[in-house]
C-alpha cells in the first residue's frame, strides 16, 4: 500500500468517525403534533360549522374570540365578510396562531395546548369550516 493510499484511507476513516460522533448527540426532546380537519363537501362543512357554532354558544363566544392562558402566547384574528366565526384557544406557553377569514359564513377553530405550537390558517371563500388541534412538548 502506498503512502498516498494510506493517507486517503486514514482521512476517510477520520471523517467517518467525526460524522458518527455528531450523529450520536442526544436529540432535542421537544416537538409537536397537529391534526387539521377541513370537510371536503358543502354538506359536511355545514354539519361541522353547526358543531363549532354550538360550541361557541356553550362557551359564550361571538363571531371571533381569542382565549389564552399561559405565557408568551400570540394570536391574531382577521375577518372580512359576514357571518364568520373564528375561535383561537391557547393553553400553555409559547404558542402562535393566526386565523384570517375572507368571505361569508366561514367557521374555524384553532386549539393549541402544551407549548410552542404554531398554526396559520387562511379561509378564502364562503361557507368553509375546519379546525386544527395542536399539542407541543
N, C-alpha and C. Protein backbone atom coordinates (compact mmCIF):
# COMPACT_ATOMS: atom_id res chain seq x y z
N UNK A 1 0.84 -1.16 0.00
CA UNK A 1 0.00 0.00 0.00
C UNK A 1 0.89 1.23 0.00
N UNK A 2 0.59 2.14 -0.88
CA UNK A 2 1.40 3.35 -0.98
C UNK A 2 1.06 4.31 0.14
N UNK A 3 1.96 5.19 0.36
CA UNK A 3 1.78 6.19 1.41
C UNK A 3 0.57 7.08 1.11
N UNK A 4 0.35 7.42 -0.15
CA UNK A 4 -0.78 8.27 -0.55
C UNK A 4 -2.10 7.55 -0.27
N UNK A 5 -2.19 6.26 -0.59
CA UNK A 5 -3.40 5.48 -0.35
C UNK A 5 -3.67 5.38 1.15
N UNK A 6 -2.63 5.24 1.94
CA UNK A 6 -2.77 5.16 3.39
C UNK A 6 -3.35 6.46 3.94
N UNK A 7 -2.91 7.61 3.44
CA UNK A 7 -3.43 8.91 3.88
C UNK A 7 -4.90 9.06 3.50
N UNK A 8 -5.28 8.60 2.31
CA UNK A 8 -6.68 8.70 1.87
C UNK A 8 -7.58 7.85 2.77
N UNK A 9 -7.17 6.63 3.07
CA UNK A 9 -7.97 5.75 3.92
C UNK A 9 -8.06 6.32 5.33
N UNK A 10 -6.95 6.83 5.84
CA UNK A 10 -6.95 7.43 7.18
C UNK A 10 -7.88 8.63 7.23
N UNK A 11 -7.84 9.48 6.22
CA UNK A 11 -8.72 10.66 6.17
C UNK A 11 -10.18 10.24 6.09
N UNK A 12 -10.49 9.22 5.31
CA UNK A 12 -11.87 8.74 5.17
C UNK A 12 -12.37 8.18 6.50
N UNK A 13 -11.55 7.40 7.18
CA UNK A 13 -11.94 6.85 8.49
C UNK A 13 -12.14 7.95 9.52
N UNK A 14 -11.27 8.93 9.52
CA UNK A 14 -11.38 10.05 10.44
C UNK A 14 -12.66 10.85 10.18
N UNK A 15 -12.93 11.13 8.91
CA UNK A 15 -14.15 11.86 8.56
C UNK A 15 -15.40 11.07 8.95
N UNK A 16 -15.37 9.78 8.73
CA UNK A 16 -16.50 8.93 9.11
C UNK A 16 -16.72 8.91 10.61
N UNK A 17 -15.64 8.87 11.39
CA UNK A 17 -15.79 8.84 12.85
C UNK A 17 -16.28 10.18 13.38
N UNK A 18 -15.89 11.28 12.76
CA UNK A 18 -16.39 12.60 13.17
C UNK A 18 -17.89 12.70 12.88
N UNK A 19 -18.29 12.24 11.72
CA UNK A 19 -19.72 12.25 11.37
C UNK A 19 -20.52 11.39 12.33
N UNK A 20 -19.99 10.23 12.71
CA UNK A 20 -20.68 9.35 13.66
C UNK A 20 -20.80 10.02 15.02
N UNK A 21 -19.77 10.71 15.46
CA UNK A 21 -19.82 11.40 16.75
C UNK A 21 -20.88 12.49 16.73
N UNK A 22 -21.01 13.20 15.62
CA UNK A 22 -22.02 14.25 15.52
C UNK A 22 -23.43 13.66 15.55
N UNK A 23 -23.61 12.48 14.98
CA UNK A 23 -24.93 11.85 14.96
C UNK A 23 -25.30 11.26 16.32
N UNK A 24 -24.35 11.03 17.20
CA UNK A 24 -24.65 10.44 18.49
C UNK A 24 -25.00 11.47 19.55
N UNK A 25 -25.08 12.75 19.18
CA UNK A 25 -25.50 13.81 20.10
C UNK A 25 -26.97 13.57 20.44
N UNK A 26 -27.37 13.72 21.71
CA UNK A 26 -28.77 13.50 22.08
C UNK A 26 -29.72 14.37 21.26
N UNK A 27 -30.87 13.81 20.90
CA UNK A 27 -31.87 14.52 20.12
C UNK A 27 -32.59 15.53 20.99
N UNK A 28 -33.09 16.59 20.36
CA UNK A 28 -33.90 17.59 21.03
C UNK A 28 -35.19 16.92 21.48
N UNK A 29 -35.56 17.08 22.73
CA UNK A 29 -36.70 16.35 23.29
C UNK A 29 -38.04 17.00 22.97
N UNK A 30 -38.05 18.23 22.53
CA UNK A 30 -39.32 18.91 22.25
C UNK A 30 -39.88 18.53 20.90
N UNK A 31 -41.15 18.78 20.72
CA UNK A 31 -41.80 18.51 19.45
C UNK A 31 -43.25 18.91 19.51
N UNK A 32 -43.96 18.63 18.44
CA UNK A 32 -45.38 18.94 18.42
C UNK A 32 -46.08 18.04 17.42
N UNK A 33 -47.38 17.90 17.65
CA UNK A 33 -48.22 17.15 16.73
C UNK A 33 -49.47 17.99 16.49
N UNK A 34 -49.91 18.04 15.24
CA UNK A 34 -51.10 18.79 14.87
C UNK A 34 -51.98 17.95 13.97
N UNK A 35 -53.28 18.10 14.17
CA UNK A 35 -54.26 17.45 13.33
C UNK A 35 -55.22 18.52 12.85
N UNK A 36 -55.38 18.62 11.53
CA UNK A 36 -56.31 19.59 10.95
C UNK A 36 -57.44 18.84 10.26
N UNK A 37 -58.61 19.40 10.36
CA UNK A 37 -59.79 18.81 9.74
C UNK A 37 -60.50 19.88 8.93
N UNK A 38 -60.72 19.60 7.65
CA UNK A 38 -61.47 20.51 6.77
C UNK A 38 -62.39 19.64 5.91
N UNK A 39 -63.70 19.74 6.13
CA UNK A 39 -64.64 18.92 5.36
C UNK A 39 -64.48 19.13 3.86
N UNK A 40 -64.69 18.05 3.11
CA UNK A 40 -64.45 18.07 1.67
C UNK A 40 -65.64 18.54 0.85
N UNK A 41 -66.84 18.54 1.44
CA UNK A 41 -68.01 18.98 0.66
C UNK A 41 -68.87 19.92 1.49
N UNK A 42 -69.81 20.57 0.84
CA UNK A 42 -70.63 21.60 1.49
C UNK A 42 -71.50 21.03 2.61
N UNK A 43 -72.03 19.83 2.41
CA UNK A 43 -72.89 19.23 3.44
C UNK A 43 -72.10 18.96 4.72
N UNK A 44 -70.93 18.35 4.59
CA UNK A 44 -70.10 18.08 5.76
C UNK A 44 -69.61 19.37 6.41
N UNK A 45 -69.28 20.37 5.58
CA UNK A 45 -68.85 21.66 6.11
C UNK A 45 -69.96 22.30 6.94
N UNK A 46 -71.20 22.18 6.47
CA UNK A 46 -72.33 22.74 7.21
C UNK A 46 -72.53 22.05 8.54
N UNK A 47 -72.40 20.73 8.56
CA UNK A 47 -72.54 19.97 9.80
C UNK A 47 -71.43 20.34 10.78
N UNK A 48 -70.19 20.43 10.28
CA UNK A 48 -69.07 20.79 11.15
C UNK A 48 -69.22 22.21 11.67
N UNK A 49 -69.66 23.12 10.80
CA UNK A 49 -69.87 24.51 11.21
C UNK A 49 -70.93 24.59 12.32
N UNK A 50 -71.98 23.80 12.20
CA UNK A 50 -73.02 23.78 13.23
C UNK A 50 -72.44 23.35 14.58
N UNK A 51 -71.57 22.35 14.55
CA UNK A 51 -70.90 21.92 15.78
C UNK A 51 -70.06 23.02 16.40
N UNK A 52 -69.29 23.74 15.59
CA UNK A 52 -68.48 24.85 16.11
C UNK A 52 -69.37 25.97 16.64
N UNK A 53 -70.48 26.22 15.97
CA UNK A 53 -71.39 27.28 16.44
C UNK A 53 -72.04 26.89 17.77
N UNK A 54 -72.41 25.62 17.95
CA UNK A 54 -72.93 25.16 19.25
C UNK A 54 -71.86 25.30 20.33
N UNK A 55 -70.61 24.95 19.99
CA UNK A 55 -69.51 25.11 20.94
C UNK A 55 -69.37 26.57 21.34
N UNK A 56 -69.46 27.48 20.36
CA UNK A 56 -69.30 28.90 20.67
C UNK A 56 -70.45 29.41 21.55
N UNK A 57 -71.66 28.92 21.33
CA UNK A 57 -72.78 29.30 22.19
C UNK A 57 -72.57 28.80 23.61
N UNK A 58 -72.13 27.56 23.73
CA UNK A 58 -71.89 26.97 25.04
C UNK A 58 -70.83 27.74 25.81
N UNK A 59 -69.78 28.18 25.12
CA UNK A 59 -68.68 28.92 25.75
C UNK A 59 -68.92 30.42 25.82
N UNK A 60 -70.02 30.90 25.26
CA UNK A 60 -70.32 32.33 25.29
C UNK A 60 -69.47 33.15 24.34
N UNK A 61 -69.11 32.59 23.21
CA UNK A 61 -68.27 33.27 22.21
C UNK A 61 -69.14 33.86 21.12
N UNK A 62 -68.67 34.95 20.52
CA UNK A 62 -69.40 35.58 19.42
C UNK A 62 -68.45 35.89 18.28
N UNK A 63 -68.81 35.60 17.08
CA UNK A 63 -68.10 35.96 15.85
C UNK A 63 -66.63 35.58 15.84
N UNK A 64 -65.86 36.19 16.71
CA UNK A 64 -64.44 35.90 16.79
C UNK A 64 -63.99 36.00 18.23
N UNK A 65 -63.14 35.06 18.65
CA UNK A 65 -62.71 35.07 20.03
C UNK A 65 -61.32 34.46 20.15
N UNK A 66 -60.49 35.09 20.97
CA UNK A 66 -59.16 34.57 21.29
C UNK A 66 -59.08 34.42 22.79
N UNK A 67 -58.79 33.22 23.25
CA UNK A 67 -58.63 32.97 24.69
C UNK A 67 -57.29 32.28 24.90
N UNK A 68 -56.49 32.88 25.80
CA UNK A 68 -55.15 32.36 26.05
C UNK A 68 -54.91 32.25 27.55
N UNK A 69 -54.24 31.19 27.94
CA UNK A 69 -53.73 31.10 29.30
C UNK A 69 -52.31 30.55 29.20
N UNK A 70 -51.41 31.14 29.95
CA UNK A 70 -50.01 30.78 29.88
C UNK A 70 -49.17 32.02 29.62
N UNK A 71 -47.95 31.82 29.16
CA UNK A 71 -47.02 32.92 28.94
C UNK A 71 -46.45 32.87 27.53
N UNK A 72 -46.23 34.04 26.94
CA UNK A 72 -45.57 34.14 25.65
C UNK A 72 -46.41 33.69 24.47
N UNK A 73 -47.73 33.68 24.62
CA UNK A 73 -48.60 33.30 23.51
C UNK A 73 -48.96 34.53 22.68
N UNK A 74 -49.07 34.34 21.35
CA UNK A 74 -49.50 35.41 20.46
C UNK A 74 -50.56 34.85 19.51
N UNK A 75 -51.54 35.70 19.19
CA UNK A 75 -52.60 35.26 18.28
C UNK A 75 -53.19 36.46 17.57
N UNK A 76 -53.68 36.23 16.37
CA UNK A 76 -54.35 37.27 15.61
C UNK A 76 -55.52 36.68 14.84
N UNK A 77 -56.59 37.45 14.75
CA UNK A 77 -57.80 37.02 14.06
C UNK A 77 -58.30 38.18 13.21
N UNK A 78 -58.45 37.95 11.91
CA UNK A 78 -58.96 38.97 10.99
C UNK A 78 -60.13 38.38 10.21
N UNK A 79 -61.24 39.11 10.16
CA UNK A 79 -62.42 38.64 9.45
C UNK A 79 -62.89 39.71 8.48
N UNK A 80 -63.11 39.31 7.23
CA UNK A 80 -63.62 40.20 6.21
C UNK A 80 -64.82 39.50 5.57
N UNK A 81 -66.01 39.94 5.94
CA UNK A 81 -67.23 39.31 5.46
C UNK A 81 -68.24 39.29 6.59
N UNK A 82 -69.33 38.55 6.39
CA UNK A 82 -70.34 38.49 7.44
C UNK A 82 -70.65 37.03 7.78
N UNK A 83 -71.10 36.85 9.03
CA UNK A 83 -71.47 35.52 9.48
C UNK A 83 -70.31 34.59 9.77
N UNK A 84 -69.11 35.13 9.90
CA UNK A 84 -67.93 34.30 10.18
C UNK A 84 -67.79 34.03 11.66
N UNK A 85 -67.23 32.87 11.99
CA UNK A 85 -66.92 32.53 13.37
C UNK A 85 -65.48 32.03 13.41
N UNK A 86 -64.65 32.68 14.19
CA UNK A 86 -63.25 32.27 14.35
C UNK A 86 -62.93 32.12 15.83
N UNK A 87 -62.35 30.99 16.20
CA UNK A 87 -62.01 30.71 17.60
C UNK A 87 -60.54 30.32 17.67
N UNK A 88 -59.80 30.99 18.56
CA UNK A 88 -58.42 30.59 18.85
C UNK A 88 -58.33 30.39 20.35
N UNK A 89 -57.96 29.19 20.77
CA UNK A 89 -57.80 28.88 22.18
C UNK A 89 -56.41 28.31 22.39
N UNK A 90 -55.64 28.94 23.29
CA UNK A 90 -54.28 28.50 23.57
C UNK A 90 -54.10 28.33 25.07
N UNK A 91 -53.61 27.16 25.46
CA UNK A 91 -53.30 26.90 26.86
C UNK A 91 -51.89 26.35 26.92
N UNK A 92 -51.05 27.02 27.67
CA UNK A 92 -49.66 26.64 27.76
C UNK A 92 -48.79 27.84 27.42
N UNK A 93 -47.57 27.59 26.97
CA UNK A 93 -46.61 28.67 26.76
C UNK A 93 -46.03 28.64 25.35
N UNK A 94 -45.79 29.85 24.81
CA UNK A 94 -45.06 29.99 23.56
C UNK A 94 -45.82 29.62 22.30
N UNK A 95 -47.14 29.68 22.33
CA UNK A 95 -47.94 29.35 21.15
C UNK A 95 -48.06 30.57 20.23
N UNK A 96 -48.29 30.29 18.95
CA UNK A 96 -48.52 31.33 17.96
C UNK A 96 -49.63 30.86 17.02
N UNK A 97 -50.61 31.73 16.76
CA UNK A 97 -51.70 31.37 15.85
C UNK A 97 -52.24 32.60 15.14
N UNK A 98 -52.56 32.43 13.86
CA UNK A 98 -53.28 33.45 13.12
C UNK A 98 -54.41 32.77 12.35
N UNK A 99 -55.52 33.47 12.25
CA UNK A 99 -56.67 32.99 11.51
C UNK A 99 -57.23 34.16 10.72
N UNK A 100 -57.28 34.00 9.40
CA UNK A 100 -57.81 35.04 8.51
C UNK A 100 -58.97 34.46 7.72
N UNK A 101 -60.14 35.09 7.82
CA UNK A 101 -61.33 34.63 7.13
C UNK A 101 -61.80 35.72 6.16
N UNK A 102 -61.82 35.37 4.88
CA UNK A 102 -62.27 36.27 3.83
C UNK A 102 -63.47 35.63 3.13
N UNK A 103 -64.64 36.22 3.26
CA UNK A 103 -65.85 35.65 2.69
C UNK A 103 -66.94 35.64 3.73
N UNK A 104 -68.00 34.90 3.46
CA UNK A 104 -69.16 34.88 4.35
C UNK A 104 -69.40 33.47 4.89
N UNK A 105 -69.93 33.43 6.12
CA UNK A 105 -70.37 32.19 6.77
C UNK A 105 -69.27 31.14 6.91
N UNK A 106 -68.06 31.56 7.21
CA UNK A 106 -66.96 30.64 7.45
C UNK A 106 -66.84 30.37 8.95
N UNK A 107 -66.40 29.18 9.29
CA UNK A 107 -66.13 28.83 10.69
C UNK A 107 -64.81 28.09 10.77
N UNK A 108 -64.02 28.41 11.82
CA UNK A 108 -62.76 27.70 12.03
C UNK A 108 -62.38 27.81 13.50
N UNK A 109 -61.82 26.74 14.04
CA UNK A 109 -61.32 26.73 15.41
C UNK A 109 -59.87 26.28 15.46
N UNK A 110 -59.07 27.01 16.20
CA UNK A 110 -57.66 26.65 16.44
C UNK A 110 -57.52 26.39 17.93
N UNK A 111 -57.10 25.18 18.28
CA UNK A 111 -56.98 24.77 19.68
C UNK A 111 -55.56 24.26 19.90
N UNK A 112 -54.78 24.99 20.74
CA UNK A 112 -53.37 24.66 20.96
C UNK A 112 -53.12 24.45 22.45
N UNK A 113 -52.41 23.38 22.77
CA UNK A 113 -52.13 23.02 24.15
C UNK A 113 -50.66 22.66 24.29
N UNK A 114 -50.17 22.64 25.54
CA UNK A 114 -48.77 22.30 25.77
C UNK A 114 -47.89 23.52 25.60
N UNK A 115 -46.90 23.41 24.69
CA UNK A 115 -46.02 24.55 24.47
C UNK A 115 -45.51 24.59 23.03
N UNK A 116 -45.24 25.80 22.58
CA UNK A 116 -44.52 26.08 21.33
C UNK A 116 -45.15 25.46 20.08
N UNK A 117 -46.46 25.62 19.91
CA UNK A 117 -47.09 25.20 18.67
C UNK A 117 -47.35 26.43 17.81
N UNK A 118 -47.53 26.20 16.52
CA UNK A 118 -47.77 27.32 15.59
C UNK A 118 -48.79 26.87 14.55
N UNK A 119 -49.82 27.71 14.36
CA UNK A 119 -50.85 27.43 13.37
C UNK A 119 -51.19 28.73 12.65
N UNK A 120 -51.22 28.68 11.32
CA UNK A 120 -51.62 29.81 10.50
C UNK A 120 -52.64 29.32 9.49
N UNK A 121 -53.84 29.92 9.50
CA UNK A 121 -54.93 29.47 8.65
C UNK A 121 -55.50 30.65 7.87
N UNK A 122 -55.80 30.42 6.60
CA UNK A 122 -56.49 31.41 5.76
C UNK A 122 -57.68 30.71 5.12
N UNK A 123 -58.86 31.28 5.28
CA UNK A 123 -60.07 30.79 4.62
C UNK A 123 -60.50 31.85 3.61
N UNK A 124 -60.47 31.51 2.34
CA UNK A 124 -60.94 32.39 1.27
C UNK A 124 -62.13 31.72 0.61
N UNK A 125 -63.29 32.35 0.68
CA UNK A 125 -64.49 31.77 0.09
C UNK A 125 -65.66 31.87 1.05
N UNK A 126 -66.73 31.18 0.72
CA UNK A 126 -67.95 31.22 1.52
C UNK A 126 -68.31 29.82 2.01
N UNK A 127 -68.83 29.75 3.26
CA UNK A 127 -69.33 28.50 3.79
C UNK A 127 -68.29 27.46 4.10
N UNK A 128 -67.07 27.86 4.35
CA UNK A 128 -65.99 26.91 4.67
C UNK A 128 -65.94 26.68 6.18
N UNK A 129 -65.42 25.52 6.59
CA UNK A 129 -65.26 25.25 8.01
C UNK A 129 -64.06 24.33 8.22
N UNK A 130 -63.60 24.29 9.46
CA UNK A 130 -62.48 23.42 9.79
C UNK A 130 -61.97 23.68 11.18
N UNK A 131 -60.98 22.90 11.58
CA UNK A 131 -60.36 23.05 12.90
C UNK A 131 -58.97 22.45 12.88
N UNK A 132 -58.12 23.00 13.73
CA UNK A 132 -56.78 22.47 13.94
C UNK A 132 -56.57 22.28 15.44
N UNK A 133 -56.11 21.08 15.81
CA UNK A 133 -55.79 20.76 17.19
C UNK A 133 -54.30 20.47 17.25
N UNK A 134 -53.59 21.19 18.14
CA UNK A 134 -52.13 21.03 18.24
C UNK A 134 -51.73 20.82 19.69
N UNK A 135 -50.69 20.00 19.86
CA UNK A 135 -50.10 19.81 21.18
C UNK A 135 -48.59 19.82 21.03
N UNK A 136 -47.94 20.60 21.88
CA UNK A 136 -46.48 20.68 21.85
C UNK A 136 -45.87 20.29 23.18
N UNK A 137 -44.66 19.75 23.13
CA UNK A 137 -43.95 19.35 24.35
C UNK A 137 -42.52 19.77 24.30
